[in-house]
C-alpha atoms as a PDB file:
ATOM      1  CA  MET A   1      12.556 -62.571 -81.408  1.00  0.00           C
ATOM      2  CA  GLU A   2      11.828 -62.109 -77.967  1.00  0.00           C
ATOM      3  CA  SER A   3       9.836 -59.172 -77.031  1.00  0.00           C
ATOM      4  CA  ILE A   4      11.236 -56.709 -74.633  1.00  0.00           C
ATOM      5  CA  LEU A   5       7.853 -55.824 -73.425  1.00  0.00           C
ATOM      6  CA  PRO A   6       6.835 -57.677 -70.359  1.00  0.00           C
ATOM      7  CA  SER A   7       3.944 -59.977 -70.431  1.00  0.00           C
ATOM      8  CA  LYS A   8       0.900 -59.462 -68.312  1.00  0.00           C
ATOM      9  CA  GLY A   9       2.239 -61.087 -65.179  1.00  0.00           C
ATOM     10  CA  GLU A  10       5.702 -59.586 -65.363  1.00  0.00           C
ATOM     11  CA  ARG A  11       6.793 -56.162 -64.264  1.00  0.00           C
ATOM     12  CA  SER A  12       9.102 -53.882 -66.111  1.00  0.00           C
ATOM     13  CA  PRO A  13      12.538 -53.326 -64.605  1.00  0.00           C
ATOM     14  CA  GLN A  14      11.922 -49.579 -64.339  1.00  0.00           C
ATOM     15  CA  LYS A  15       8.814 -50.131 -62.323  1.00  0.00           C
ATOM     16  CA  ILE A  16      10.645 -52.570 -60.085  1.00  0.00           C
ATOM     17  CA  VAL A  17      13.409 -50.053 -59.418  1.00  0.00           C
ATOM     18  CA  SER A  18      10.950 -47.259 -58.709  1.00  0.00           C
ATOM     19  CA  PHE A  19       8.954 -49.560 -56.446  1.00  0.00           C
ATOM     20  CA  GLU A  20      12.080 -50.478 -54.502  1.00  0.00           C
ATOM     21  CA  LYS A  21      13.033 -46.826 -54.129  1.00  0.00           C
ATOM     22  CA  SER A  22       9.604 -45.919 -52.793  1.00  0.00           C
ATOM     23  CA  ALA A  23       9.734 -48.836 -50.352  1.00  0.00           C
ATOM     24  CA  VAL A  24      13.125 -47.711 -49.061  1.00  0.00           C
ATOM     25  CA  GLU A  25      11.880 -44.139 -48.682  1.00  0.00           C
ATOM     26  CA  GLU A  26       8.869 -45.337 -46.722  1.00  0.00           C
ATOM     27  CA  GLU A  27      11.136 -47.353 -44.454  1.00  0.00           C
ATOM     28  CA  ASP A  28      13.333 -44.312 -43.934  1.00  0.00           C
ATOM     29  CA  GLN A  29      10.343 -42.241 -43.026  1.00  0.00           C
ATOM     30  CA  HIS A  30       9.039 -44.780 -40.549  1.00  0.00           C
ATOM     31  CA  HIS A  31      12.369 -45.978 -39.231  1.00  0.00           C
ATOM     32  CA  HIS A  32      14.842 -43.120 -38.927  1.00  0.00           C
ATOM     33  CA  HIS A  33      18.362 -43.929 -38.282  1.00  0.00           C
ATOM     34  CA  PRO A  34      19.403 -43.396 -34.662  1.00  0.00           C
ATOM     35  CA  GLU A  35      21.758 -40.571 -35.655  1.00  0.00           C
ATOM     36  CA  GLU A  36      19.002 -38.703 -37.457  1.00  0.00           C
ATOM     37  CA  GLN A  37      16.653 -39.183 -34.504  1.00  0.00           C
ATOM     38  CA  THR A  38      19.113 -37.665 -32.036  1.00  0.00           C
ATOM     39  CA  LEU A  39      19.757 -34.741 -34.368  1.00  0.00           C
ATOM     40  CA  ASP A  40      16.022 -34.102 -34.653  1.00  0.00           C
ATOM     41  CA  GLN A  41      15.618 -34.306 -30.881  1.00  0.00           C
ATOM     42  CA  VAL A  42      18.542 -31.948 -30.322  1.00  0.00           C
ATOM     43  CA  SER A  43      17.184 -29.433 -32.818  1.00  0.00           C
ATOM     44  CA  ASP A  44      13.738 -29.624 -31.185  1.00  0.00           C
ATOM     45  CA  GLU A  45      15.296 -29.106 -27.759  1.00  0.00           C
ATOM     46  CA  ILE A  46      17.308 -26.160 -29.057  1.00  0.00           C
ATOM     47  CA  LYS A  47      14.156 -24.559 -30.469  1.00  0.00           C
ATOM     48  CA  GLU A  48      12.340 -25.132 -27.188  1.00  0.00           C
ATOM     49  CA  LEU A  49      15.280 -23.685 -25.262  1.00  0.00           C
ATOM     50  CA  GLU A  50      15.282 -20.592 -27.472  1.00  0.00           C
ATOM     51  CA  THR A  51      11.571 -20.030 -26.910  1.00  0.00           C
ATOM     52  CA  LEU A  52      12.061 -20.440 -23.157  1.00  0.00           C
ATOM     53  CA  GLU A  53      14.927 -17.932 -23.219  1.00  0.00           C
ATOM     54  CA  GLU A  54      12.708 -15.441 -25.053  1.00  0.00           C
ATOM     55  CA  ASP A  55       9.978 -15.968 -22.462  1.00  0.00           C
ATOM     56  CA  VAL A  56      12.484 -15.383 -19.658  1.00  0.00           C
ATOM     57  CA  LYS A  57      13.665 -12.152 -21.303  1.00  0.00           C
ATOM     58  CA  LEU A  58      10.071 -10.939 -21.619  1.00  0.00           C
ATOM     59  CA  MET A  59       9.384 -11.777 -17.976  1.00  0.00           C
ATOM     60  CA  ALA A  60      12.561  -9.962 -16.908  1.00  0.00           C
ATOM     61  CA  GLN A  61      11.434  -6.873 -18.825  1.00  0.00           C
ATOM     62  CA  LYS A  62       8.001  -7.014 -17.191  1.00  0.00           C
ATOM     63  CA  ILE A  63       9.555  -7.399 -13.737  1.00  0.00           C
ATOM     64  CA  ALA A  64      11.873  -4.446 -14.364  1.00  0.00           C
ATOM     65  CA  LYS A  65       8.908  -2.352 -15.485  1.00  0.00           C
ATOM     66  CA  PHE A  66       6.907  -3.313 -12.385  1.00  0.00           C
ATOM     67  CA  ARG A  67       9.863  -2.520 -10.139  1.00  0.00           C
ATOM     68  CA  GLU A  68      10.040   0.942 -11.661  1.00  0.00           C
ATOM     69  CA  THR A  69       6.337   1.780 -11.628  1.00  0.00           C
ATOM     70  CA  LEU A  70       4.880  -0.149  -8.688  1.00  0.00           C
ATOM     71  CA  PRO A  71       6.438   1.838  -5.801  1.00  0.00           C
ATOM     72  CA  SER A  72       5.215   5.150  -7.178  1.00  0.00           C
ATOM     73  CA  GLN A  73       1.757   3.688  -7.828  1.00  0.00           C
ATOM     74  CA  LEU A  74       1.574   2.344  -4.269  1.00  0.00           C
ATOM     75  CA  GLN A  75       2.751   5.657  -2.848  1.00  0.00           C
ATOM     76  CA  ASN A  76       0.176   7.602  -4.862  1.00  0.00           C
ATOM     77  CA  SER A  77      -2.666   5.279  -3.900  1.00  0.00           C
ATOM     78  CA  LEU A  78      -1.663   5.354  -0.221  1.00  0.00           C
ATOM     79  CA  ALA A  79      -1.470   9.143  -0.275  1.00  0.00           C
ATOM     80  CA  SER A  80      -4.896   9.414  -1.871  1.00  0.00           C
ATOM     81  CA  ILE A  81      -6.424   6.993   0.654  1.00  0.00           C
ATOM     82  CA  LEU A  82      -4.897   8.872   3.582  1.00  0.00           C
ATOM     83  CA  SER A  83      -5.920  12.257   2.223  1.00  0.00           C
ATOM     84  CA  ALA A  84      -9.471  10.979   1.831  1.00  0.00           C
ATOM     85  CA  GLN A  85      -9.497   9.885   5.478  1.00  0.00           C
ATOM     86  CA  LYS A  86      -7.885  13.068   6.813  1.00  0.00           C
ATOM     87  CA  PRO A  87     -10.399  15.621   8.102  1.00  0.00           C
ATOM     88  CA  PRO A  88     -10.470  18.933   6.266  1.00  0.00           C
ATOM     89  CA  VAL A  89      -8.471  21.691   7.931  1.00  0.00           C
ATOM     90  CA  ASN A  90     -10.304  24.964   8.410  1.00  0.00           C
ATOM     91  CA  LEU A  91      -7.593  27.560   7.818  1.00  0.00           C
ATOM     92  CA  GLU A  92      -9.935  30.521   8.378  1.00  0.00           C
ATOM     93  CA  ASN A  93     -10.271  29.811  12.108  1.00  0.00           C
ATOM     94  CA  HIS A  94      -6.579  29.032  12.647  1.00  0.00           C
ATOM     95  CA  SER A  95      -4.379  32.097  12.440  1.00  0.00           C
ATOM     96  CA  ASP A  96      -1.268  33.134  14.342  1.00  0.00           C
ATOM     97  CA  HIS A  97      -2.938  36.023  16.213  1.00  0.00           C
ATOM     98  CA  ASP A  98      -5.671  33.702  17.524  1.00  0.00           C
ATOM     99  CA  HIS A  99      -3.110  31.392  19.142  1.00  0.00           C
ATOM    100  CA  PRO A 100      -0.254  33.495  20.569  1.00  0.00           C
ATOM    101  CA  GLY A 101       1.711  30.503  21.912  1.00  0.00           C
ATOM    102  CA  THR A 102       1.901  28.618  18.637  1.00  0.00           C
ATOM    103  CA  SER A 103       4.706  28.732  16.131  1.00  0.00           C
ATOM    104  CA  THR A 104       5.196  27.328  12.682  1.00  0.00           C
ATOM    105  CA  ASN A 105       6.810  23.945  12.264  1.00  0.00           C
ATOM    106  CA  PRO A 106      10.452  24.341  11.149  1.00  0.00           C
ATOM    107  CA  ASN A 107      10.328  21.011   9.302  1.00  0.00           C
ATOM    108  CA  PRO A 108       7.128  20.658   7.245  1.00  0.00           C
ATOM    109  CA  GLU A 109       8.348  17.393   5.682  1.00  0.00           C
ATOM    110  CA  SER A 110       8.357  15.641   9.051  1.00  0.00           C
ATOM    111  CA  GLU A 111       4.863  16.993   9.701  1.00  0.00           C
ATOM    112  CA  ALA A 112       3.679  15.548   6.381  1.00  0.00           C
ATOM    113  CA  LEU A 113       5.175  12.163   7.256  1.00  0.00           C
ATOM    114  CA  VAL A 114       3.571  12.192  10.704  1.00  0.00           C
ATOM    115  CA  GLU A 115       0.179  13.155   9.283  1.00  0.00           C
ATOM    116  CA  HIS A 116       0.163  10.000   7.159  1.00  0.00           C
ATOM    117  CA  ASP A 117       0.402   7.847  10.291  1.00  0.00           C
ATOM    118  CA  PRO A 118      -3.097   6.449  11.016  1.00  0.00           C
ATOM    119  CA  MET A 119      -2.575   6.379  14.792  1.00  0.00           C
ATOM    120  CA  TYR A 120      -1.442  10.004  14.751  1.00  0.00           C
ATOM    121  CA  THR A 121      -4.481  11.087  12.766  1.00  0.00           C
ATOM    122  CA  GLU A 122      -6.733   9.157  15.157  1.00  0.00           C
ATOM    123  CA  LYS A 123      -5.186  10.917  18.163  1.00  0.00           C
ATOM    124  CA  ILE A 124      -5.616  14.269  16.445  1.00  0.00           C
ATOM    125  CA  GLN A 125      -9.277  13.441  15.825  1.00  0.00           C
ATOM    126  CA  THR A 126      -9.886  12.576  19.492  1.00  0.00           C
ATOM    127  CA  VAL A 127      -8.127  15.752  20.682  1.00  0.00           C
ATOM    128  CA  LYS A 128     -10.176  17.881  18.290  1.00  0.00           C
ATOM    129  CA  GLN A 129     -13.363  16.167  19.465  1.00  0.00           C
ATOM    130  CA  LYS A 130     -12.494  16.808  23.120  1.00  0.00           C
ATOM    131  CA  ILE A 131     -11.699  20.449  22.400  1.00  0.00           C
ATOM    132  CA  SER A 132     -14.990  20.975  20.603  1.00  0.00           C
ATOM    133  CA  ASN A 133     -16.883  19.267  23.452  1.00  0.00           C
ATOM    134  CA  ASN A 134     -15.103  21.457  26.017  1.00  0.00           C
ATOM    135  CA  THR A 135     -15.829  24.666  24.119  1.00  0.00           C
ATOM    136  CA  SER A 136     -19.490  23.747  23.791  1.00  0.00           C
ATOM    137  CA  ALA A 137     -19.657  23.063  27.545  1.00  0.00           C
ATOM    138  CA  MET A 138     -17.951  26.372  28.433  1.00  0.00           C
ATOM    139  CA  PRO A 139     -21.108  28.564  28.788  1.00  0.00           C
ATOM    140  CA  SER A 140     -22.752  26.169  31.235  1.00  0.00           C
ATOM    141  CA  LEU A 141     -19.495  25.894  33.176  1.00  0.00           C
ATOM    142  CA  LEU A 142     -19.213  29.687  33.444  1.00  0.00           C
ATOM    143  CA  LYS A 143     -22.815  29.891  34.647  1.00  0.00           C
ATOM    144  CA  ARG A 144     -22.149  27.328  37.395  1.00  0.00           C
ATOM    145  CA  MET A 145     -18.961  29.146  38.445  1.00  0.00           C
ATOM    146  CA  LYS A 146     -20.837  32.456  38.755  1.00  0.00           C
ATOM    147  CA  GLU A 147     -23.511  30.759  40.871  1.00  0.00           C
ATOM    148  CA  CYS A 148     -20.867  29.281  43.170  1.00  0.00           C
ATOM    149  CA  ILE A 149     -19.136  32.655  43.550  1.00  0.00           C
ATOM    150  CA  SER A 150     -22.423  34.337  44.440  1.00  0.00           C
ATOM    151  CA  ARG A 151     -23.130  31.658  47.081  1.00  0.00           C
ATOM    152  CA  ILE A 152     -19.686  32.165  48.578  1.00  0.00           C
ATOM    153  CA  ASP A 153     -20.275  35.927  48.701  1.00  0.00           C
ATOM    154  CA  ASN A 154     -23.626  35.322  50.443  1.00  0.00           C
ATOM    155  CA  LEU A 155     -21.937  33.083  53.012  1.00  0.00           C
ATOM    156  CA  ASP A 156     -19.265  35.727  53.663  1.00  0.00           C
ATOM    157  CA  SER A 157     -22.010  38.163  54.595  1.00  0.00           C
ATOM    158  CA  PHE A 158     -23.064  35.724  57.338  1.00  0.00           C
ATOM    159  CA  ASN A 159     -19.926  35.952  59.470  1.00  0.00           C
ATOM    160  CA  ASN A 160     -21.625  34.202  62.335  1.00  0.00           C
ATOM    161  CA  GLY A 161     -22.934  31.318  60.226  1.00  0.00           C
ATOM    162  CA  ILE A 162     -19.575  29.772  59.238  1.00  0.00           C
ATOM    163  CA  HIS A 163     -18.165  27.116  61.503  1.00  0.00           C
ATOM    164  CA  PRO A 164     -14.665  27.966  62.800  1.00  0.00           C
ATOM    165  CA  ALA A 165     -13.196  24.849  61.187  1.00  0.00           C
ATOM    166  CA  PHE A 166     -14.023  26.269  57.774  1.00  0.00           C
ATOM    167  CA  LYS A 167     -12.620  29.715  58.429  1.00  0.00           C
ATOM    168  CA  ARG A 168      -9.211  30.687  57.128  1.00  0.00           C
ATOM    169  CA  ARG A 169      -6.504  30.860  59.641  1.00  0.00           C
ATOM    170  CA  LYS A 170      -4.061  33.700  59.302  1.00  0.00           C
ATOM    171  CA  ILE A 171      -0.529  32.518  58.692  1.00  0.00           C
ATOM    172  CA  THR A 172       2.034  33.919  61.086  1.00  0.00           C
ATOM    173  CA  SER A 173       5.779  33.903  60.923  1.00  0.00           C
ATOM    174  CA  GLU A 174       5.841  31.091  63.499  1.00  0.00           C
ATOM    175  CA  ASP A 175       3.967  28.802  61.090  1.00  0.00           C
ATOM    176  CA  CYS A 176       6.586  29.079  58.340  1.00  0.00           C
ATOM    177  CA  PHE A 177       9.120  26.298  58.259  1.00  0.00           C
ATOM    178  CA  ILE A 178      12.099  27.530  56.344  1.00  0.00           C
END
């Protein structure tokens, strides 16, 4: 009787079949069929495309949020910067009875817009500086004017001392050119 068992050098048919299957599987893993490769590439590209679309949606949401919030943030920061640069207004010294020729502005919104203009605020600063310089120089100016008036009065007392070229000439009806 022949033995069904393989001898030492022989392999069993089951082992041979399992060995062949494992070899084929290894080949399949290393060498995909072209159809399977393209399907894998397409699925990878689809996944990548989906992630890119999600990124684009997130960016669009961020942009929309910035478009909503950024203008108000810029306006607030600009207003705070300009208000910090604007000189404080002393309302105690400025009243309507002190300045009879002044009137209130009928459009306060336009005044607020103009006050935020840096050139306008600079001009206001220079005018205020000139006014304060003029008011501080007023006492010395009045003193000089009083001195000049007293000199003129002294010269009038010397009727003989004034040269005729400096005397006033009386205007007659013949001098008028109508």
